Amino acid sequence: MLDRNVRLQNKFHFTSLGCARNLVDSEVMIGILLKAGFEAVAEMADADFLVVNTCGFLQSARQEGTDTIRDMFETKKPDAKVIVAGCMVQKHGAELKAQFPNIHYMLGSGDVEKILDAVLTDEAGTAVSSARSYLEWGEVPRTLSTPKHYAYLKIAEGCKKRCAFCIIPPIKGPLRSKEESQVIKEFNALLNAGVFEVILIAQDLGDFGKDRKEKGALAKLLRTMLQDPRPFWLRLLYLYPDEIDDELIAVMKSDPRICPYLDMPIQHINDGMLKAMHRTTSREQIVSILSKLREEIPNVFIRTSLMVGFPGETEEAFEELVQFVKTTRLDHVGIFKFSLEKEAYAAKLDGQIAEDVKQRRHDILAKAQMKEVKKRSRSMIGKVFPAIVEGFHPDSELLLRARHSGQCPEIDGQIIINDGRKVTEFGKLYDVEITEVADYDLIGRVLKESCKSAKKNKLAFA
């Protein structure tokens, strides 16, 4: 342990940017520093070490990274040190060092465990190994930064797919899956720590185990997790349409502790666009899997991502996407404008779309989706959901916020509780009646605490 009487500079401030996979890496770095005797502080100005874990996926993410680093240098104490980690270091380290020559230390995406070296050394340095992504193994400490009732569990890194618009493979490297035994070990540790909702993450959960030539590895992993008799929610993020098969659907149906929720990136629905994007599914296949999911799991909630402005997208192809949104139930949708990344295959394509056209299409699609969301939300009025009451609403301590199992933390809407008199503890399940809607959010009142039996935590409408 660090002797605080000897070393006075032991306060650190941590900023994690990008996706939930990045957040897990950040939690490992935080855990390492805390175990060594360092102290986390909320304000940059109070820190001796300011650490940022960056994302390099899109230009907008890289801009957020440079803005954060600049803010750190403008805010920090004169003798405080700035440490930069993650994807931007891996791919753009020289540019970062040229822009910010006073960065104390830089850590690559796969060099998370060297964070202690970075803060202990007095000499500026860089640690960027050939490992382009990080997977936690063994007894490496991790300190959760999420509320105590939910946590992310990363089961794989890298990607075996080659979508034309994406630079994840060159940034994060090829697919690497954890061994099932390691995932189960971490899963048990989270449940033992009191976590109720475990959110499985990877670039594509459906590819889990395929780097080891394993078939049906995700379904097998889920079945092993479900052998644990304790109550919990298990949520699946990032499952591509072509990875959702009968076996996986059967496992989801088999136990209500698996949330009836899938984050299934579609990107587009026009066959020409899907082919140009190097996607492995067609419109017919996407529609078929959506229909099967609705048939087999009637209460399933589906989140997806859609892209506008990909090179060669015609007005007709875009209109097909708009009509798809209007006629197909998609519960949560993230809409993105194509970002030209030099390392992506799509950067070389003809037919690049002007930014003002991308923005117009984005706005049209978002308006169409909002109309459908409001329509479906109104149909929920009067229904009852088991929901986790998470805390006070940021707008008022007279309001609370909650989520049912069809709402993922941080990315989906929530339930605004305007009558929470029966709430005795945050992070617990309560039966909530929906009384009104507010755009992407629902409004409701707490009826009573939900039964603790795992088999009765099923998302069901009363």
Foldseek 3Di string as FASTA:
>chain_A
DDDCVVPVQQEEEEAEDDDQLSVQLSQLLVFLSVVNPGHYDHDLQPHLEYEYAADDWFPVRVVVVVVVVVVSVVRYDPNHAYEYEYLCCQPPVVVVCVVPVRHQEYEAQARSVCSVVSVPDPHRYYHHDPQLHHDDDDPRTGHDPDPLQEGEQEFKEADPAAFQQTDRCVRRNHIDGDDLVRSVVVVVVSVVSVHAEYEYDYQALLCHPVVVVDPPVSLVSLVVNVVDQAAHAYEYEHHELVSDDPSNLCSCLPFLSHQLEYEYADAFADQVVCVNRRHPDHNVSVVVSLVVSCVSPVPHAYEYEYEPQQAPCDPVRLVVRLVCLLPPDHQHYHYYYRGQDPPGNSVPDPRGDDPVVSVVSSVSSVVSNLVVNQVVLVVQAFWKWWWFFAAADPVDNQKTWIAGSHADPPRAATEIENAEPQDDDGSFIFIWGFHAQDRRYTYTHTDHGFDRRNRRNHTDTD
